[in-house]
């Protein structure tokens, strides 16, 4: 598999020789085009605040959770099942790199997302 991936990114023979020499010396090698692609992918998420990665519905649920509403209250208000709201909560926490509602509340207050 490595050879296939390596072949995809190293088409130029001179580039291949450079890569082999670097790896043989114990180093790591990445082509400039792959480096640019990786940087582009990684910088997309780091330029945005965590709450900006949420869908509209996730953002709505996040604000409701942060304001202290229970899953049942949110479910009733949005005409959703409690299980669906729980799934939203899990996704929100995962996307935002958090584990507890307390972290979410702190984040929302700090970023003035709730009143």
PDB file of N, CA and C in Angstrom:
ATOM      1  N   UNK A   1       0.824  -1.193   0.000  1.00  0.00           N
ATOM      2  CA  UNK A   1       0.000   0.000   0.000  1.00  0.00           C
ATOM      3  C   UNK A   1       0.867   1.255   0.000  1.00  0.00           C
ATOM      4  N   UNK A   2       1.949   1.257   0.823  1.00  0.00           N
ATOM      5  CA  UNK A   2       2.835   2.406   0.886  1.00  0.00           C
ATOM      6  C   UNK A   2       3.386   2.742  -0.495  1.00  0.00           C
ATOM      7  N   UNK A   3       3.788   1.721  -1.240  1.00  0.00           N
ATOM      8  CA  UNK A   3       4.352   1.952  -2.570  1.00  0.00           C
ATOM      9  C   UNK A   3       3.336   2.624  -3.486  1.00  0.00           C
ATOM     10  N   UNK A   4       2.088   2.184  -3.402  1.00  0.00           N
ATOM     11  CA  UNK A   4       1.050   2.798  -4.232  1.00  0.00           C
ATOM     12  C   UNK A   4       0.870   4.263  -3.867  1.00  0.00           C
ATOM     13  N   UNK A   5       0.801   4.549  -2.559  1.00  0.00           N
ATOM     14  CA  UNK A   5       0.643   5.930  -2.126  1.00  0.00           C
ATOM     15  C   UNK A   5       1.859   6.758  -2.522  1.00  0.00           C
ATOM     16  N   UNK A   6       3.037   6.174  -2.322  1.00  0.00           N
ATOM     17  CA  UNK A   6       4.258   6.878  -2.647  1.00  0.00           C
ATOM     18  C   UNK A   6       4.299   7.200  -4.142  1.00  0.00           C
ATOM     19  N   UNK A   7       3.901   6.247  -4.958  1.00  0.00           N
ATOM     20  CA  UNK A   7       3.904   6.429  -6.405  1.00  0.00           C
ATOM     21  C   UNK A   7       2.965   7.561  -6.832  1.00  0.00           C
ATOM     22  N   UNK A   8       1.845   7.654  -6.182  1.00  0.00           N
ATOM     23  CA  UNK A   8       0.882   8.699  -6.524  1.00  0.00           C
ATOM     24  C   UNK A   8       1.497  10.079  -6.332  1.00  0.00           C
ATOM     25  N   UNK A   9       2.259  10.256  -5.255  1.00  0.00           N
ATOM     26  CA  UNK A   9       2.770  11.569  -4.924  1.00  0.00           C
ATOM     27  C   UNK A   9       4.174  11.851  -5.450  1.00  0.00           C
ATOM     28  N   UNK A  10       4.865  10.847  -5.923  1.00  0.00           N
ATOM     29  CA  UNK A  10       6.208  11.057  -6.447  1.00  0.00           C
ATOM     30  C   UNK A  10       6.268  10.530  -7.878  1.00  0.00           C
ATOM     31  N   UNK A  11       5.947  11.381  -8.836  1.00  0.00           N
ATOM     32  CA  UNK A  11       5.942  10.969 -10.233  1.00  0.00           C
ATOM     33  C   UNK A  11       7.258  11.324 -10.923  1.00  0.00           C
ATOM     34  N   UNK A  12       7.931  12.356 -10.468  1.00  0.00           N
ATOM     35  CA  UNK A  12       9.168  12.832 -11.072  1.00  0.00           C
ATOM     36  C   UNK A  12      10.345  11.977 -10.584  1.00  0.00           C
ATOM     37  N   UNK A  13      11.145  11.393 -11.505  1.00  0.00           N
ATOM     38  CA  UNK A  13      12.280  10.546 -11.092  1.00  0.00           C
ATOM     39  C   UNK A  13      13.278  11.267 -10.178  1.00  0.00           C
ATOM     40  N   UNK A  14      13.545  12.536 -10.451  1.00  0.00           N
ATOM     41  CA  UNK A  14      14.469  13.287  -9.592  1.00  0.00           C
ATOM     42  C   UNK A  14      13.907  13.420  -8.179  1.00  0.00           C
ATOM     43  N   UNK A  15      12.621  13.628  -8.104  1.00  0.00           N
ATOM     44  CA  UNK A  15      11.938  13.734  -6.807  1.00  0.00           C
ATOM     45  C   UNK A  15      12.027  12.397  -6.067  1.00  0.00           C
ATOM     46  N   UNK A  16      11.888  11.299  -6.787  1.00  0.00           N
ATOM     47  CA  UNK A  16      11.964   9.967  -6.200  1.00  0.00           C
ATOM     48  C   UNK A  16      13.354   9.713  -5.623  1.00  0.00           C
ATOM     49  N   UNK A  17      14.385  10.076  -6.351  1.00  0.00           N
ATOM     50  CA  UNK A  17      15.765   9.903  -5.873  1.00  0.00           C
ATOM     51  C   UNK A  17      15.997  10.725  -4.605  1.00  0.00           C
ATOM     52  N   UNK A  18      15.513  11.957  -4.628  1.00  0.00           N
ATOM     53  CA  UNK A  18      15.649  12.828  -3.467  1.00  0.00           C
ATOM     54  C   UNK A  18      14.938  12.210  -2.250  1.00  0.00           C
ATOM     55  N   UNK A  19      13.764  11.660  -2.483  1.00  0.00           N
ATOM     56  CA  UNK A  19      12.984  11.047  -1.404  1.00  0.00           C
ATOM     57  C   UNK A  19      13.699   9.825  -0.841  1.00  0.00           C
ATOM     58  N   UNK A  20      14.230   8.985  -1.709  1.00  0.00           N
ATOM     59  CA  UNK A  20      14.923   7.766  -1.265  1.00  0.00           C
ATOM     60  C   UNK A  20      16.157   8.120  -0.446  1.00  0.00           C
ATOM     61  N   UNK A  21      16.928   9.109  -0.902  1.00  0.00           N
ATOM     62  CA  UNK A  21      18.118   9.526  -0.153  1.00  0.00           C
ATOM     63  C   UNK A  21      17.744  10.049   1.228  1.00  0.00           C
ATOM     64  N   UNK A  22      16.720  10.854   1.278  1.00  0.00           N
ATOM     65  CA  UNK A  22      16.286  11.439   2.550  1.00  0.00           C
ATOM     66  C   UNK A  22      15.831  10.349   3.519  1.00  0.00           C
ATOM     67  N   UNK A  23      15.044   9.407   3.025  1.00  0.00           N
ATOM     68  CA  UNK A  23      14.536   8.317   3.867  1.00  0.00           C
ATOM     69  C   UNK A  23      15.671   7.387   4.289  1.00  0.00           C
ATOM     70  N   UNK A  24      16.621   7.124   3.388  1.00  0.00           N
ATOM     71  CA  UNK A  24      17.768   6.264   3.701  1.00  0.00           C
ATOM     72  C   UNK A  24      18.623   6.863   4.816  1.00  0.00           C
ATOM     73  N   UNK A  25      18.632   8.175   4.927  1.00  0.00           N
ATOM     74  CA  UNK A  25      19.391   8.854   5.977  1.00  0.00           C
ATOM     75  C   UNK A  25      18.592   8.946   7.280  1.00  0.00           C
ATOM     76  N   UNK A  26      17.427   8.320   7.281  1.00  0.00           N
ATOM     77  CA  UNK A  26      16.613   8.309   8.499  1.00  0.00           C
ATOM     78  C   UNK A  26      15.619   9.455   8.584  1.00  0.00           C
ATOM     79  N   UNK A  27      15.546  10.248   7.538  1.00  0.00           N
ATOM     80  CA  UNK A  27      14.627  11.380   7.546  1.00  0.00           C
ATOM     81  C   UNK A  27      13.256  11.020   7.018  1.00  0.00           C
ATOM     82  N   UNK A  28      12.447  12.022   6.895  1.00  0.00           N
ATOM     83  CA  UNK A  28      11.113  11.853   6.339  1.00  0.00           C
ATOM     84  C   UNK A  28      11.020  12.728   5.104  1.00  0.00           C
ATOM     85  N   UNK A  29      10.161  12.330   4.187  1.00  0.00           N
ATOM     86  CA  UNK A  29      10.050  13.085   2.941  1.00  0.00           C
ATOM     87  C   UNK A  29       8.592  13.273   2.556  1.00  0.00           C
ATOM     88  N   UNK A  30       8.300  14.455   2.083  1.00  0.00           N
ATOM     89  CA  UNK A  30       6.973  14.763   1.579  1.00  0.00           C
ATOM     90  C   UNK A  30       7.143  15.728   0.406  1.00  0.00           C
ATOM     91  N   UNK A  31       6.414  15.482  -0.652  1.00  0.00           N
ATOM     92  CA  UNK A  31       6.543  16.358  -1.813  1.00  0.00           C
ATOM     93  C   UNK A  31       5.924  17.716  -1.501  1.00  0.00           C
ATOM     94  N   UNK A  32       6.334  18.716  -2.230  1.00  0.00           N
ATOM     95  CA  UNK A  32       5.794  20.053  -1.987  1.00  0.00           C
ATOM     96  C   UNK A  32       4.305  20.118  -2.325  1.00  0.00           C
ATOM     97  N   UNK A  33       3.879  19.384  -3.354  1.00  0.00           N
ATOM     98  CA  UNK A  33       2.451  19.432  -3.703  1.00  0.00           C
ATOM     99  C   UNK A  33       1.600  18.774  -2.619  1.00  0.00           C
ATOM    100  N   UNK A  34       2.082  17.658  -2.053  1.00  0.00           N
ATOM    101  CA  UNK A  34       1.343  17.014  -0.973  1.00  0.00           C
ATOM    102  C   UNK A  34       1.369  17.900   0.272  1.00  0.00           C
ATOM    103  N   UNK A  35       2.494  18.517   0.523  1.00  0.00           N
ATOM    104  CA  UNK A  35       2.618  19.421   1.656  1.00  0.00           C
ATOM    105  C   UNK A  35       1.589  20.555   1.563  1.00  0.00           C
ATOM    106  N   UNK A  36       1.445  21.126   0.385  1.00  0.00           N
ATOM    107  CA  UNK A  36       0.468  22.197   0.180  1.00  0.00           C
ATOM    108  C   UNK A  36      -0.955  21.698   0.398  1.00  0.00           C
ATOM    109  N   UNK A  37      -1.256  20.498  -0.096  1.00  0.00           N
ATOM    110  CA  UNK A  37      -2.596  19.928   0.088  1.00  0.00           C
ATOM    111  C   UNK A  37      -2.887  19.700   1.568  1.00  0.00           C
ATOM    112  N   UNK A  38      -1.935  19.112   2.277  1.00  0.00           N
ATOM    113  CA  UNK A  38      -2.116  18.863   3.703  1.00  0.00           C
ATOM    114  C   UNK A  38      -2.288  20.163   4.479  1.00  0.00           C
ATOM    115  N   UNK A  39      -1.473  21.146   4.175  1.00  0.00           N
ATOM    116  CA  UNK A  39      -1.571  22.435   4.845  1.00  0.00           C
ATOM    117  C   UNK A  39      -2.932  23.067   4.601  1.00  0.00           C
ATOM    118  N   UNK A  40      -3.399  22.971   3.385  1.00  0.00           N
ATOM    119  CA  UNK A  40      -4.714  23.522   3.039  1.00  0.00           C
ATOM    120  C   UNK A  40      -5.814  22.857   3.847  1.00  0.00           C
ATOM    121  N   UNK A  41      -5.762  21.541   3.944  1.00  0.00           N
ATOM    122  CA  UNK A  41      -6.778  20.794   4.697  1.00  0.00           C
ATOM    123  C   UNK A  41      -6.711  21.150   6.177  1.00  0.00           C
ATOM    124  N   UNK A  42      -5.511  21.154   6.744  1.00  0.00           N
ATOM    125  CA  UNK A  42      -5.358  21.420   8.166  1.00  0.00           C
ATOM    126  C   UNK A  42      -5.684  22.857   8.538  1.00  0.00           C
ATOM    127  N   UNK A  43      -5.373  23.791   7.675  1.00  0.00           N
ATOM    128  CA  UNK A  43      -5.619  25.194   8.007  1.00  0.00           C
ATOM    129  C   UNK A  43      -7.093  25.564   7.905  1.00  0.00           C
ATOM    130  N   UNK A  44      -7.880  24.792   7.188  1.00  0.00           N
ATOM    131  CA  UNK A  44      -9.313  25.085   7.083  1.00  0.00           C
ATOM    132  C   UNK A  44      -9.969  25.044   8.448  1.00  0.00           C
ATOM    133  N   UNK A  45      -9.672  24.024   9.240  1.00  0.00           N
ATOM    134  CA  UNK A  45     -10.302  23.884  10.539  1.00  0.00           C
ATOM    135  C   UNK A  45      -9.694  24.803  11.586  1.00  0.00           C
ATOM    136  N   UNK A  46      -8.415  25.110  11.483  1.00  0.00           N
ATOM    137  CA  UNK A  46      -7.779  25.929  12.499  1.00  0.00           C
ATOM    138  C   UNK A  46      -8.110  27.404  12.343  1.00  0.00           C
ATOM    139  N   UNK A  47      -8.545  27.825  11.189  1.00  0.00           N
ATOM    140  CA  UNK A  47      -8.887  29.228  10.985  1.00  0.00           C
ATOM    141  C   UNK A  47     -10.270  29.548  11.525  1.00  0.00           C
ATOM    142  N   UNK A  48     -11.074  28.525  11.740  1.00  0.00           N
ATOM    143  CA  UNK A  48     -12.437  28.731  12.218  1.00  0.00           C
ATOM    144  C   UNK A  48     -12.527  28.379  13.698  1.00  0.00           C
ATOM    145  N   UNK A  49     -13.373  29.112  14.395  1.00  0.00           N
ATOM    146  CA  UNK A  49     -13.630  28.788  15.795  1.00  0.00           C
ATOM    147  C   UNK A  49     -14.419  27.489  15.856  1.00  0.00           C
ATOM    148  N   UNK A  50     -14.290  26.734  16.944  1.00  0.00           N
ATOM    149  CA  UNK A  50     -14.974  25.440  17.026  1.00  0.00           C
ATOM    150  C   UNK A  50     -16.473  25.501  16.733  1.00  0.00           C
ATOM    151  N   UNK A  51     -17.162  26.528  17.231  1.00  0.00           N
ATOM    152  CA  UNK A  51     -18.608  26.585  16.994  1.00  0.00           C
ATOM    153  C   UNK A  51     -18.953  26.887  15.537  1.00  0.00           C
ATOM    154  N   UNK A  52     -18.005  27.404  14.789  1.00  0.00           N
ATOM    155  CA  UNK A  52     -18.235  27.705  13.372  1.00  0.00           C
ATOM    156  C   UNK A  52     -18.208  26.452  12.508  1.00  0.00           C
ATOM    157  N   UNK A  53     -17.789  25.333  13.069  1.00  0.00           N
ATOM    158  CA  UNK A  53     -17.773  24.068  12.330  1.00  0.00           C
ATOM    159  C   UNK A  53     -19.106  23.332  12.450  1.00  0.00           C
ATOM    160  N   UNK A  54     -19.999  23.840  13.294  1.00  0.00           N
ATOM    161  CA  UNK A  54     -21.284  23.182  13.527  1.00  0.00           C
ATOM    162  C   UNK A  54     -22.293  23.520  12.436  1.00  0.00           C
ATOM    163  N   UNK A  55     -23.192  22.578  12.195  1.00  0.00           N
ATOM    164  CA  UNK A  55     -24.309  22.859  11.286  1.00  0.00           C
ATOM    165  C   UNK A  55     -25.249  23.850  11.985  1.00  0.00           C
ATOM    166  N   UNK A  56     -26.191  24.395  11.263  1.00  0.00           N
ATOM    167  CA  UNK A  56     -27.139  25.341  11.858  1.00  0.00           C
ATOM    168  C   UNK A  56     -27.896  24.706  13.024  1.00  0.00           C
ATOM    169  N   UNK A  57     -28.374  23.477  12.829  1.00  0.00           N
ATOM    170  CA  UNK A  57     -29.133  22.793  13.879  1.00  0.00           C
ATOM    171  C   UNK A  57     -28.233  22.491  15.080  1.00  0.00           C
ATOM    172  N   UNK A  58     -27.005  22.045  14.830  1.00  0.00           N
ATOM    173  CA  UNK A  58     -26.075  21.781  15.920  1.00  0.00           C
ATOM    174  C   UNK A  58     -25.793  23.055  16.712  1.00  0.00           C
ATOM    175  N   UNK A  59     -25.626  24.149  16.012  1.00  0.00           N
ATOM    176  CA  UNK A  59     -25.383  25.434  16.675  1.00  0.00           C
ATOM    177  C   UNK A  59     -26.576  25.822  17.543  1.00  0.00           C
ATOM    178  N   UNK A  60     -27.776  25.617  17.013  1.00  0.00           N
ATOM    179  CA  UNK A  60     -28.991  25.924  17.749  1.00  0.00           C
ATOM    180  C   UNK A  60     -29.058  25.079  19.030  1.00  0.00           C
ATOM    181  N   UNK A  61     -28.804  23.793  18.915  1.00  0.00           N
ATOM    182  CA  UNK A  61     -28.825  22.899  20.072  1.00  0.00           C
ATOM    183  C   UNK A  61     -27.706  23.271  21.045  1.00  0.00           C
ATOM    184  N   UNK A  62     -26.537  23.599  20.531  1.00  0.00           N
ATOM    185  CA  UNK A  62     -25.410  23.988  21.379  1.00  0.00           C
ATOM    186  C   UNK A  62     -25.778  25.198  22.231  1.00  0.00           C
ATOM    187  N   UNK A  63     -26.398  26.189  21.634  1.00  0.00           N
ATOM    188  CA  UNK A  63     -26.797  27.390  22.378  1.00  0.00           C
ATOM    189  C   UNK A  63     -27.837  27.055  23.451  1.00  0.00           C
ATOM    190  N   UNK A  64     -28.744  26.169  23.126  1.00  0.00           N
ATOM    191  CA  UNK A  64     -29.775  25.773  24.088  1.00  0.00           C
ATOM    192  C   UNK A  64     -29.155  24.997  25.250  1.00  0.00           C
ATOM    193  N   UNK A  65     -28.241  24.087  24.945  1.00  0.00           N
ATOM    194  CA  UNK A  65     -27.532  23.351  25.990  1.00  0.00           C
ATOM    195  C   UNK A  65     -26.736  24.310  26.878  1.00  0.00           C
ATOM    196  N   UNK A  66     -26.046  25.227  26.238  1.00  0.00           N
ATOM    197  CA  UNK A  66     -25.213  26.175  26.971  1.00  0.00           C
ATOM    198  C   UNK A  66     -26.039  27.103  27.852  1.00  0.00           C
ATOM    199  N   UNK A  67     -27.288  27.316  27.478  1.00  0.00           N
ATOM    200  CA  UNK A  67     -28.147  28.171  28.300  1.00  0.00           C
ATOM    201  C   UNK A  67     -28.795  27.394  29.443  1.00  0.00           C
ATOM    202  N   UNK A  68     -28.487  26.089  29.547  1.00  0.00           N
ATOM    203  CA  UNK A  68     -28.933  25.295  30.674  1.00  0.00           C
ATOM    204  C   UNK A  68     -30.163  24.442  30.437  1.00  0.00           C
ATOM    205  N   UNK A  69     -30.648  24.387  29.217  1.00  0.00           N
ATOM    206  CA  UNK A  69     -31.829  23.576  28.927  1.00  0.00           C
ATOM    207  C   UNK A  69     -31.470  22.085  28.951  1.00  0.00           C
ATOM    208  N   UNK A  70     -32.424  21.277  29.394  1.00  0.00           N
ATOM    209  CA  UNK A  70     -32.230  19.825  29.408  1.00  0.00           C
ATOM    210  C   UNK A  70     -32.504  19.265  28.018  1.00  0.00           C
ATOM    211  N   UNK A  71     -32.083  18.014  27.807  1.00  0.00           N
ATOM    212  CA  UNK A  71     -32.349  17.361  26.524  1.00  0.00           C
ATOM    213  C   UNK A  71     -33.857  17.301  26.257  1.00  0.00           C
ATOM    214  N   UNK A  72     -34.632  17.018  27.290  1.00  0.00           N
ATOM    215  CA  UNK A  72     -36.081  16.940  27.126  1.00  0.00           C
ATOM    216  C   UNK A  72     -36.667  18.297  26.735  1.00  0.00           C
ATOM    217  N   UNK A  73     -36.218  19.352  27.376  1.00  0.00           N
ATOM    218  CA  UNK A  73     -36.712  20.705  27.047  1.00  0.00           C
ATOM    219  C   UNK A  73     -36.374  21.064  25.598  1.00  0.00           C
ATOM    220  N   UNK A  74     -35.161  20.740  25.188  1.00  0.00           N
ATOM    221  CA  UNK A  74     -34.747  21.030  23.812  1.00  0.00           C
ATOM    222  C   UNK A  74     -35.574  20.194  22.839  1.00  0.00           C
ATOM    223  N   UNK A  75     -35.735  18.923  23.149  1.00  0.00           N
ATOM    224  CA  UNK A  75     -36.514  18.022  22.291  1.00  0.00           C
ATOM    225  C   UNK A  75     -37.930  18.548  22.124  1.00  0.00           C
ATOM    226  N   UNK A  76     -38.564  18.955  23.228  1.00  0.00           N
ATOM    227  CA  UNK A  76     -39.935  19.481  23.162  1.00  0.00           C
ATOM    228  C   UNK A  76     -40.002  20.762  22.336  1.00  0.00           C
ATOM    229  N   UNK A  77     -39.061  21.652  22.568  1.00  0.00           N
ATOM    230  CA  UNK A  77     -39.069  22.945  21.867  1.00  0.00           C
ATOM    231  C   UNK A  77     -38.826  22.800  20.364  1.00  0.00           C
ATOM    232  N   UNK A  78     -37.978  21.843  19.985  1.00  0.00           N
ATOM    233  CA  UNK A  78     -37.636  21.672  18.568  1.00  0.00           C
ATOM    234  C   UNK A  78     -38.430  20.554  17.900  1.00  0.00           C
ATOM    235  N   UNK A  79     -39.338  19.944  18.637  1.00  0.00           N
ATOM    236  CA  UNK A  79     -40.146  18.819  18.136  1.00  0.00           C
ATOM    237  C   UNK A  79     -39.261  17.677  17.621  1.00  0.00           C
ATOM    238  N   UNK A  80     -38.298  17.306  18.458  1.00  0.00           N
ATOM    239  CA  UNK A  80     -37.387  16.204  18.157  1.00  0.00           C
ATOM    240  C   UNK A  80     -37.475  15.185  19.279  1.00  0.00           C
ATOM    241  N   UNK A  81     -36.971  13.991  19.038  1.00  0.00           N
ATOM    242  CA  UNK A  81     -36.901  13.005  20.115  1.00  0.00           C
ATOM    243  C   UNK A  81     -35.698  13.330  21.002  1.00  0.00           C
ATOM    244  N   UNK A  82     -35.766  12.860  22.234  1.00  0.00           N
ATOM    245  CA  UNK A  82     -34.649  13.073  23.158  1.00  0.00           C
ATOM    246  C   UNK A  82     -33.396  12.393  22.621  1.00  0.00           C
ATOM    247  N   UNK A  83     -33.576  11.227  21.996  1.00  0.00           N
ATOM    248  CA  UNK A  83     -32.442  10.494  21.425  1.00  0.00           C
ATOM    249  C   UNK A  83     -31.756  11.329  20.332  1.00  0.00           C
ATOM    250  N   UNK A  84     -32.539  12.002  19.499  1.00  0.00           N
ATOM    251  CA  UNK A  84     -31.973  12.841  18.441  1.00  0.00           C
ATOM    252  C   UNK A  84     -31.190  14.005  19.042  1.00  0.00           C
ATOM    253  N   UNK A  85     -31.750  14.625  20.060  1.00  0.00           N
ATOM    254  CA  UNK A  85     -31.053  15.734  20.722  1.00  0.00           C
ATOM    255  C   UNK A  85     -29.773  15.223  21.375  1.00  0.00           C
ATOM    256  N   UNK A  86     -29.818  14.033  21.956  1.00  0.00           N
ATOM    257  CA  UNK A  86     -28.620  13.435  22.537  1.00  0.00           C
ATOM    258  C   UNK A  86     -27.540  13.182  21.494  1.00  0.00           C
ATOM    259  N   UNK A  87     -27.973  12.773  20.308  1.00  0.00           N
ATOM    260  CA  UNK A  87     -27.031  12.562  19.206  1.00  0.00           C
ATOM    261  C   UNK A  87     -26.403  13.891  18.793  1.00  0.00           C
ATOM    262  N   UNK A  88     -27.231  14.934  18.704  1.00  0.00           N
ATOM    263  CA  UNK A  88     -26.694  16.263  18.405  1.00  0.00           C
ATOM    264  C   UNK A  88     -25.672  16.677  19.458  1.00  0.00           C
ATOM    265  N   UNK A  89     -26.009  16.468  20.729  1.00  0.00           N
ATOM    266  CA  UNK A  89     -25.104  16.835  21.817  1.00  0.00           C
ATOM    267  C   UNK A  89     -23.769  16.121  21.660  1.00  0.00           C
ATOM    268  N   UNK A  90     -23.813  14.826  21.381  1.00  0.00           N
ATOM    269  CA  UNK A  90     -22.575  14.053  21.211  1.00  0.00           C
ATOM    270  C   UNK A  90     -21.741  14.596  20.058  1.00  0.00           C
ATOM    271  N   UNK A  91     -22.402  14.873  18.936  1.00  0.00           N
ATOM    272  CA  UNK A  91     -21.695  15.410  17.760  1.00  0.00           C
ATOM    273  C   UNK A  91     -21.077  16.768  18.050  1.00  0.00           C
ATOM    274  N   UNK A  92     -21.839  17.609  18.735  1.00  0.00           N
ATOM    275  CA  UNK A  92     -21.360  18.957  19.075  1.00  0.00           C
ATOM    276  C   UNK A  92     -20.103  18.862  19.940  1.00  0.00           C
ATOM    277  N   UNK A  93     -20.187  18.071  20.997  1.00  0.00           N
ATOM    278  CA  UNK A  93     -19.031  17.935  21.889  1.00  0.00           C
ATOM    279  C   UNK A  93     -17.823  17.376  21.153  1.00  0.00           C
ATOM    280  N   UNK A  94     -18.052  16.389  20.285  1.00  0.00           N
ATOM    281  CA  UNK A  94     -16.948  15.806  19.516  1.00  0.00           C
ATOM    282  C   UNK A  94     -16.327  16.837  18.579  1.00  0.00           C
ATOM    283  N   UNK A  95     -17.154  17.529  17.826  1.00  0.00           N
ATOM    284  CA  UNK A  95     -16.637  18.526  16.876  1.00  0.00           C
ATOM    285  C   UNK A  95     -15.879  19.649  17.576  1.00  0.00           C
ATOM    286  N   UNK A  96     -16.328  19.989  18.775  1.00  0.00           N
ATOM    287  CA  UNK A  96     -15.719  21.099  19.492  1.00  0.00           C
ATOM    288  C   UNK A  96     -14.598  20.650  20.428  1.00  0.00           C
ATOM    289  N   UNK A  97     -14.340  19.331  20.457  1.00  0.00           N
ATOM    290  CA  UNK A  97     -13.251  18.805  21.275  1.00  0.00           C
ATOM    291  C   UNK A  97     -13.525  18.902  22.766  1.00  0.00           C
ATOM    292  N   UNK A  98     -14.773  18.699  23.154  1.00  0.00           N
ATOM    293  CA  UNK A  98     -15.160  18.802  24.564  1.00  0.00           C
ATOM    294  C   UNK A  98     -15.753  17.483  25.038  1.00  0.00           C
ATOM    295  N   UNK A  99     -15.859  17.357  26.373  1.00  0.00           N
ATOM    296  CA  UNK A  99     -16.406  16.126  26.944  1.00  0.00           C
ATOM    297  C   UNK A  99     -17.652  16.370  27.783  1.00  0.00           C
ATOM    298  N   UNK A 100     -17.804  17.566  28.308  1.00  0.00           N
ATOM    299  CA  UNK A 100     -18.900  17.843  29.230  1.00  0.00           C
ATOM    300  C   UNK A 100     -19.652  19.115  28.845  1.00  0.00           C
ATOM    301  N   UNK A 101     -20.911  19.163  29.286  1.00  0.00           N
ATOM    302  CA  UNK A 101     -21.712  20.363  29.062  1.00  0.00           C
ATOM    303  C   UNK A 101     -21.081  21.584  29.721  1.00  0.00           C
ATOM    304  N   UNK A 102     -20.408  21.382  30.850  1.00  0.00           N
ATOM    305  CA  UNK A 102     -19.774  22.500  31.551  1.00  0.00           C
ATOM    306  C   UNK A 102     -18.757  23.207  30.650  1.00  0.00           C
ATOM    307  N   UNK A 103     -18.004  22.426  29.884  1.00  0.00           N
ATOM    308  CA  UNK A 103     -17.035  23.015  28.952  1.00  0.00           C
ATOM    309  C   UNK A 103     -17.758  23.824  27.882  1.00  0.00           C
ATOM    310  N   UNK A 104     -18.875  23.289  27.434  1.00  0.00           N
ATOM    311  CA  UNK A 104     -19.694  23.954  26.417  1.00  0.00           C
ATOM    312  C   UNK A 104     -20.239  25.278  26.949  1.00  0.00           C
ATOM    313  N   UNK A 105     -20.723  25.261  28.174  1.00  0.00           N
ATOM    314  CA  UNK A 105     -21.258  26.473  28.800  1.00  0.00           C
ATOM    315  C   UNK A 105     -20.157  27.512  28.934  1.00  0.00           C
ATOM    316  N   UNK A 106     -19.011  27.092  29.429  1.00  0.00           N
ATOM    317  CA  UNK A 106     -17.872  28.014  29.583  1.00  0.00           C
ATOM    318  C   UNK A 106     -17.486  28.634  28.233  1.00  0.00           C
ATOM    319  N   UNK A 107     -17.399  27.795  27.210  1.00  0.00           N
ATOM    320  CA  UNK A 107     -17.042  28.262  25.867  1.00  0.00           C
ATOM    321  C   UNK A 107     -18.070  29.281  25.359  1.00  0.00           C
ATOM    322  N   UNK A 108     -19.342  28.963  25.530  1.00  0.00           N
ATOM    323  CA  UNK A 108     -20.408  29.843  25.031  1.00  0.00           C
ATOM    324  C   UNK A 108     -20.387  31.196  25.734  1.00  0.00           C
ATOM    325  N   UNK A 109     -20.147  31.179  27.026  1.00  0.00           N
ATOM    326  CA  UNK A 109     -20.072  32.451  27.780  1.00  0.00           C
ATOM    327  C   UNK A 109     -18.850  33.245  27.341  1.00  0.00           C
ATOM    328  N   UNK A 110     -17.720  32.577  27.265  1.00  0.00           N
ATOM    329  CA  UNK A 110     -16.458  33.222  26.870  1.00  0.00           C
ATOM    330  C   UNK A 110     -16.558  33.861  25.490  1.00  0.00           C
ATOM    331  N   UNK A 111     -17.260  33.178  24.578  1.00  0.00           N
ATOM    332  CA  UNK A 111     -17.380  33.689  23.206  1.00  0.00           C
ATOM    333  C   UNK A 111     -18.689  34.470  22.953  1.00  0.00           C
ATOM    334  N   UNK A 112     -19.370  34.756  24.042  1.00  0.00           N
ATOM    335  CA  UNK A 112     -20.608  35.557  24.001  1.00  0.00           C
ATOM    336  C   UNK A 112     -21.642  34.998  23.034  1.00  0.00           C
ATOM    337  N   UNK A 113     -21.853  33.685  23.117  1.00  0.00           N
ATOM    338  CA  UNK A 113     -22.828  33.026  22.254  1.00  0.00           C
ATOM    339  C   UNK A 113     -24.188  32.917  22.931  1.00  0.00           C
ATOM    340  N   UNK A 114     -24.213  33.145  24.232  1.00  0.00           N
ATOM    341  CA  UNK A 114     -25.467  33.149  24.975  1.00  0.00           C
ATOM    342  C   UNK A 114     -25.505  34.401  25.843  1.00  0.00           C
ATOM    343  N   UNK A 115     -26.718  34.764  26.243  1.00  0.00           N
ATOM    344  CA  UNK A 115     -26.869  35.978  27.054  1.00  0.00           C
ATOM    345  C   UNK A 115     -26.886  35.662  28.520  1.00  0.00           C
TER     346      UNK A 115
END
